Protein backbone atom coordinates (compact mmCIF):
# COMPACT_ATOMS: atom_id res chain seq x y z
CA MET A 1 27.67 -45.07 -18.12
CA LYS A 2 28.09 -41.93 -20.21
CA LYS A 3 25.13 -39.56 -20.28
CA ASN A 4 24.43 -37.14 -23.08
CA HIS A 5 22.80 -33.81 -22.42
CA PRO A 6 21.27 -32.32 -25.56
CA TYR A 7 21.44 -28.61 -26.37
CA ARG A 8 19.58 -26.87 -29.16
CA ILE A 9 21.24 -23.89 -30.79
CA LYS A 10 20.29 -21.83 -33.80
CA LEU A 11 22.89 -21.12 -36.45
CA SER A 12 22.81 -18.87 -39.43
CA PRO A 13 23.27 -20.58 -42.80
CA LYS A 14 26.79 -19.09 -42.99
CA GLN A 15 27.73 -20.47 -39.55
CA LYS A 16 26.42 -23.90 -40.50
CA ARG A 17 28.36 -23.84 -43.77
CA ASP A 18 31.55 -22.69 -42.00
CA ILE A 19 31.27 -25.47 -39.41
CA GLU A 20 30.72 -28.09 -42.09
CA LEU A 21 33.67 -26.80 -44.16
CA CYS A 22 36.02 -26.74 -41.17
CA ALA A 23 34.91 -30.19 -40.04
CA LYS A 24 35.38 -31.61 -43.53
CA ALA A 25 38.84 -30.01 -43.80
CA ASN A 26 39.82 -31.70 -40.52
CA GLY A 27 38.29 -35.03 -41.50
CA ILE A 28 35.76 -35.10 -38.66
CA SER A 29 32.00 -34.79 -38.36
CA ALA A 30 30.34 -31.45 -37.71
CA ASN A 31 29.16 -32.76 -34.34
CA ARG A 32 32.72 -33.75 -33.34
CA PHE A 33 33.99 -30.36 -34.54
CA ILE A 34 31.47 -28.52 -32.33
CA LYS A 35 32.27 -30.71 -29.31
CA ASP A 36 36.02 -30.16 -29.78
CA ALA A 37 35.52 -26.40 -30.12
CA ILE A 38 33.49 -26.29 -26.90
CA THR A 39 36.08 -28.39 -25.07
CA GLN A 40 38.94 -26.15 -26.21
CA HIS A 41 37.01 -23.03 -25.21
CA LEU A 42 36.22 -24.43 -21.76
CA LEU A 43 39.83 -25.46 -21.16
CA LEU A 44 41.08 -22.05 -22.27
CA HIS A 45 38.74 -20.16 -19.95
CA LYS A 46 38.66 -22.60 -17.02
CA SER A 47 41.54 -20.91 -15.21
CA GLU A 48 39.91 -17.50 -15.68
CA ALA A 49 36.65 -18.75 -14.17
CA SER A 50 38.34 -20.21 -11.09
CA THR A 51 40.34 -17.04 -10.32
CA ASN A 52 37.60 -14.56 -11.22
CA ASP A 53 35.83 -14.85 -7.83
CA HIS A 54 32.55 -14.49 -9.73
CA VAL A 55 32.74 -10.73 -10.34
CA LEU A 56 31.40 -9.73 -13.72
CA ARG A 57 33.51 -7.53 -15.97
CA ASN A 58 31.28 -4.45 -15.56
CA GLN A 59 30.29 -5.10 -11.95
CA LEU A 60 31.15 -2.46 -9.36
CA ARG A 61 33.55 -3.73 -6.70
CA LEU A 62 32.48 -1.99 -3.50
CA PHE A 63 34.60 -3.94 -1.07
CA ASP A 64 37.90 -4.33 -2.86
CA PRO A 65 40.54 -4.73 -0.10
CA ASP A 66 43.27 -3.32 -2.37
CA ASN A 67 41.43 -0.01 -2.70
CA PHE A 68 40.08 0.20 0.83
CA ASN A 69 40.33 3.64 2.38
CA GLN A 70 39.60 3.81 6.11
CA ASP A 71 38.91 7.56 5.99
CA VAL A 72 35.71 7.14 3.99
CA GLN A 73 32.49 7.41 6.00
CA LEU A 74 29.03 6.55 4.87
CA GLU A 75 26.01 8.40 6.23
CA LEU A 76 22.51 7.02 5.77
CA ASP A 77 19.21 8.70 6.55
CA LEU A 78 16.73 5.95 7.41
């Protein structure tokens, strides 16, 4: 049995109009257009997500083995 999971998003009037125009030009409903766009986006970025090892773009990589320097020492005053 197929389950649907609803999402609510807010669109500007221009975004709504653009979606409706693109959907009409492709002969599909606006809902189908949105679902297809999401599917294409997920497929495009799926390989990036699996190889990204969950490090954000701006996140500092402290323990990157490629840049590991054994001469660095860390001193802490506790």
